[in-house]
Structure formats: C-alpha cells, structure tokens
Amino acid sequence: RGVRVTGTDAWSWDAPFAYTAQRVKETGDTSLIWEGHKAGAEIGYCHMEKLTNLDTLPASGFTISCFPAKIQGASAGWTRAVAILED
C-alpha cells in the first residue's frame, strides 16, 4: 500500500535549524533547508510532528485515523491523530 502518513514525536522532521544553518553556511547548499519536509515533493504523503504517546503503540497491527482542522489558505495545521488497535 505504500507510505501514506508519517509521524514523529519530535519537534520537527528536519535536523535542528541551527545545525542546518551551519551546514548551509559551510556548503552554500540552500537545498538543505527543510530537507525532510521536501521528501514528499514527488510522492505526496501526510506528515505529522509533535505527536505524543508513540511509545505506547505496538510495532504493527494498528490503523491511524486523523481528524485535521481545516484552515483556509494554509499548508499545515493541527490534527487529532488516533491509533485504532486491532483485537
């Protein structure tokens, strides 16, 4: 089925910006900015950050459902992410 949704309990999918800024300064390569966010440019997927309680989920055997808030003109927003565990 392929990857449709990714998520992390970290602040961001990308490296800390201070680290990225230093790498850009050293290399001049601005494509390093938001590198993780650009991963879905060719094959789209939904990505979530700042999730909680991921450590309580099993490695497999569950479904994720997301209930996002619709924000006019925005490219991102918040969601209620719910794990549905199989019996």
C-alpha atoms as a PDB file:
ATOM      1  CA  ARG A   1       0.000   0.000   0.000  1.00  0.00           C
ATOM      2  CA  GLY A   2       2.948   2.318   0.420  1.00  0.00           C
ATOM      3  CA  VAL A   3       3.526   5.052   2.954  1.00  0.00           C
ATOM      4  CA  ARG A   4       0.612   7.468   3.215  1.00  0.00           C
ATOM      5  CA  VAL A   5       1.274   9.004   6.644  1.00  0.00           C
ATOM      6  CA  THR A   6       4.407   9.563   8.705  1.00  0.00           C
ATOM      7  CA  GLY A   7       4.713  10.973  12.177  1.00  0.00           C
ATOM      8  CA  THR A   8       7.212  11.795  14.874  1.00  0.00           C
ATOM      9  CA  ASP A   9       7.103  12.858  18.495  1.00  0.00           C
ATOM     10  CA  ALA A  10       9.973  15.252  17.789  1.00  0.00           C
ATOM     11  CA  TRP A  11       9.611  18.990  17.244  1.00  0.00           C
ATOM     12  CA  SER A  12      10.388  18.589  13.551  1.00  0.00           C
ATOM     13  CA  TRP A  13      11.131  16.028  10.863  1.00  0.00           C
ATOM     14  CA  ASP A  14      14.247  18.009   9.973  1.00  0.00           C
ATOM     15  CA  ALA A  15      17.556  18.479  11.739  1.00  0.00           C
ATOM     16  CA  PRO A  16      17.624  21.362  14.255  1.00  0.00           C
ATOM     17  CA  PHE A  17      17.706  24.647  12.349  1.00  0.00           C
ATOM     18  CA  ALA A  18      20.932  25.862  13.995  1.00  0.00           C
ATOM     19  CA  TYR A  19      22.657  22.726  12.672  1.00  0.00           C
ATOM     20  CA  THR A  20      21.101  23.141   9.220  1.00  0.00           C
ATOM     21  CA  ALA A  21      22.055  26.835   9.101  1.00  0.00           C
ATOM     22  CA  GLN A  22      25.659  25.933   9.905  1.00  0.00           C
ATOM     23  CA  ARG A  23      25.704  23.294   7.142  1.00  0.00           C
ATOM     24  CA  VAL A  24      24.262  25.797   4.643  1.00  0.00           C
ATOM     25  CA  LYS A  25      26.863  28.373   5.696  1.00  0.00           C
ATOM     26  CA  GLU A  26      29.674  25.843   5.203  1.00  0.00           C
ATOM     27  CA  THR A  27      28.443  24.416   1.893  1.00  0.00           C
ATOM     28  CA  GLY A  28      26.311  27.165   0.352  1.00  0.00           C
ATOM     29  CA  ASP A  29      23.701  24.474  -0.377  1.00  0.00           C
ATOM     30  CA  THR A  30      20.317  26.012   0.440  1.00  0.00           C
ATOM     31  CA  SER A  31      18.524  22.793  -0.554  1.00  0.00           C
ATOM     32  CA  LEU A  32      19.474  21.533   2.923  1.00  0.00           C
ATOM     33  CA  ILE A  33      16.814  23.818   4.446  1.00  0.00           C
ATOM     34  CA  TRP A  34      13.646  21.841   5.264  1.00  0.00           C
ATOM     35  CA  GLU A  35      15.265  18.768   3.707  1.00  0.00           C
ATOM     36  CA  GLY A  36      12.947  16.333   5.484  1.00  0.00           C
ATOM     37  CA  HIS A  37       9.835  18.274   4.512  1.00  0.00           C
ATOM     38  CA  LYS A  38      10.826  18.099   0.843  1.00  0.00           C
ATOM     39  CA  ALA A  39      10.934  14.286   0.935  1.00  0.00           C
ATOM     40  CA  GLY A  40       7.295  14.084  -0.127  1.00  0.00           C
ATOM     41  CA  ALA A  41       7.531  16.521  -3.039  1.00  0.00           C
ATOM     42  CA  GLU A  42       7.436  13.810  -5.702  1.00  0.00           C
ATOM     43  CA  ILE A  43       5.225  11.260  -3.962  1.00  0.00           C
ATOM     44  CA  GLY A  44       2.866  13.057  -1.633  1.00  0.00           C
ATOM     45  CA  TYR A  45       2.126  11.907   1.890  1.00  0.00           C
ATOM     46  CA  CYS A  46       0.832  13.420   5.100  1.00  0.00           C
ATOM     47  CA  HIS A  47       3.410  14.173   7.788  1.00  0.00           C
ATOM     48  CA  MET A  48       2.711  14.904  11.452  1.00  0.00           C
ATOM     49  CA  GLU A  49       5.020  16.289  14.124  1.00  0.00           C
ATOM     50  CA  LYS A  50       4.867  16.706  17.903  1.00  0.00           C
ATOM     51  CA  LEU A  51       2.776  13.551  18.407  1.00  0.00           C
ATOM     52  CA  THR A  52       2.523  12.059  21.899  1.00  0.00           C
ATOM     53  CA  ASN A  53       2.379   8.564  23.385  1.00  0.00           C
ATOM     54  CA  LEU A  54       4.015   6.912  20.373  1.00  0.00           C
ATOM     55  CA  ASP A  55       5.985   4.741  22.782  1.00  0.00           C
ATOM     56  CA  THR A  56       2.738   3.029  23.825  1.00  0.00           C
ATOM     57  CA  LEU A  57       1.978   1.770  20.298  1.00  0.00           C
ATOM     58  CA  PRO A  58       2.959  -1.707  19.102  1.00  0.00           C
ATOM     59  CA  ALA A  59       5.378  -2.008  16.166  1.00  0.00           C
ATOM     60  CA  SER A  60       2.496  -3.067  13.891  1.00  0.00           C
ATOM     61  CA  GLY A  61      -1.155  -4.110  13.941  1.00  0.00           C
ATOM     62  CA  PHE A  62      -2.908  -0.764  14.194  1.00  0.00           C
ATOM     63  CA  THR A  63      -4.540   1.813  11.950  1.00  0.00           C
ATOM     64  CA  ILE A  64      -4.100   5.571  12.173  1.00  0.00           C
ATOM     65  CA  SER A  65      -7.030   7.921  11.636  1.00  0.00           C
ATOM     66  CA  CYS A  66      -6.526  11.674  11.591  1.00  0.00           C
ATOM     67  CA  PHE A  67      -9.071  14.410  12.116  1.00  0.00           C
ATOM     68  CA  PRO A  68      -7.457  17.658  10.910  1.00  0.00           C
ATOM     69  CA  ALA A  69      -8.688  21.190  11.437  1.00  0.00           C
ATOM     70  CA  LYS A  70      -9.377  22.926   8.117  1.00  0.00           C
ATOM     71  CA  ILE A  71      -7.570  26.251   7.838  1.00  0.00           C
ATOM     72  CA  GLN A  72      -8.308  28.347   4.761  1.00  0.00           C
ATOM     73  CA  GLY A  73      -5.176  29.185   2.746  1.00  0.00           C
ATOM     74  CA  ALA A  74      -2.848  27.181   4.998  1.00  0.00           C
ATOM     75  CA  SER A  75      -0.432  24.429   4.026  1.00  0.00           C
ATOM     76  CA  ALA A  76      -0.395  22.953   7.525  1.00  0.00           C
ATOM     77  CA  GLY A  77      -2.412  22.832  10.701  1.00  0.00           C
ATOM     78  CA  TRP A  78      -3.198  20.643  13.669  1.00  0.00           C
ATOM     79  CA  THR A  79      -4.930  17.292  13.816  1.00  0.00           C
ATOM     80  CA  ARG A  80      -6.319  14.798  16.284  1.00  0.00           C
ATOM     81  CA  ALA A  81      -4.358  11.636  15.446  1.00  0.00           C
ATOM     82  CA  VAL A  82      -5.907   8.413  16.751  1.00  0.00           C
ATOM     83  CA  ALA A  83      -4.431   4.907  16.753  1.00  0.00           C
ATOM     84  CA  ILE A  84      -7.023   2.155  16.344  1.00  0.00           C
ATOM     85  CA  LEU A  85      -5.654  -1.090  17.767  1.00  0.00           C
ATOM     86  CA  GLU A  86      -6.730  -4.471  16.473  1.00  0.00           C
ATOM     87  CA  ASP A  87      -8.055  -7.011  18.999  1.00  0.00           C
END
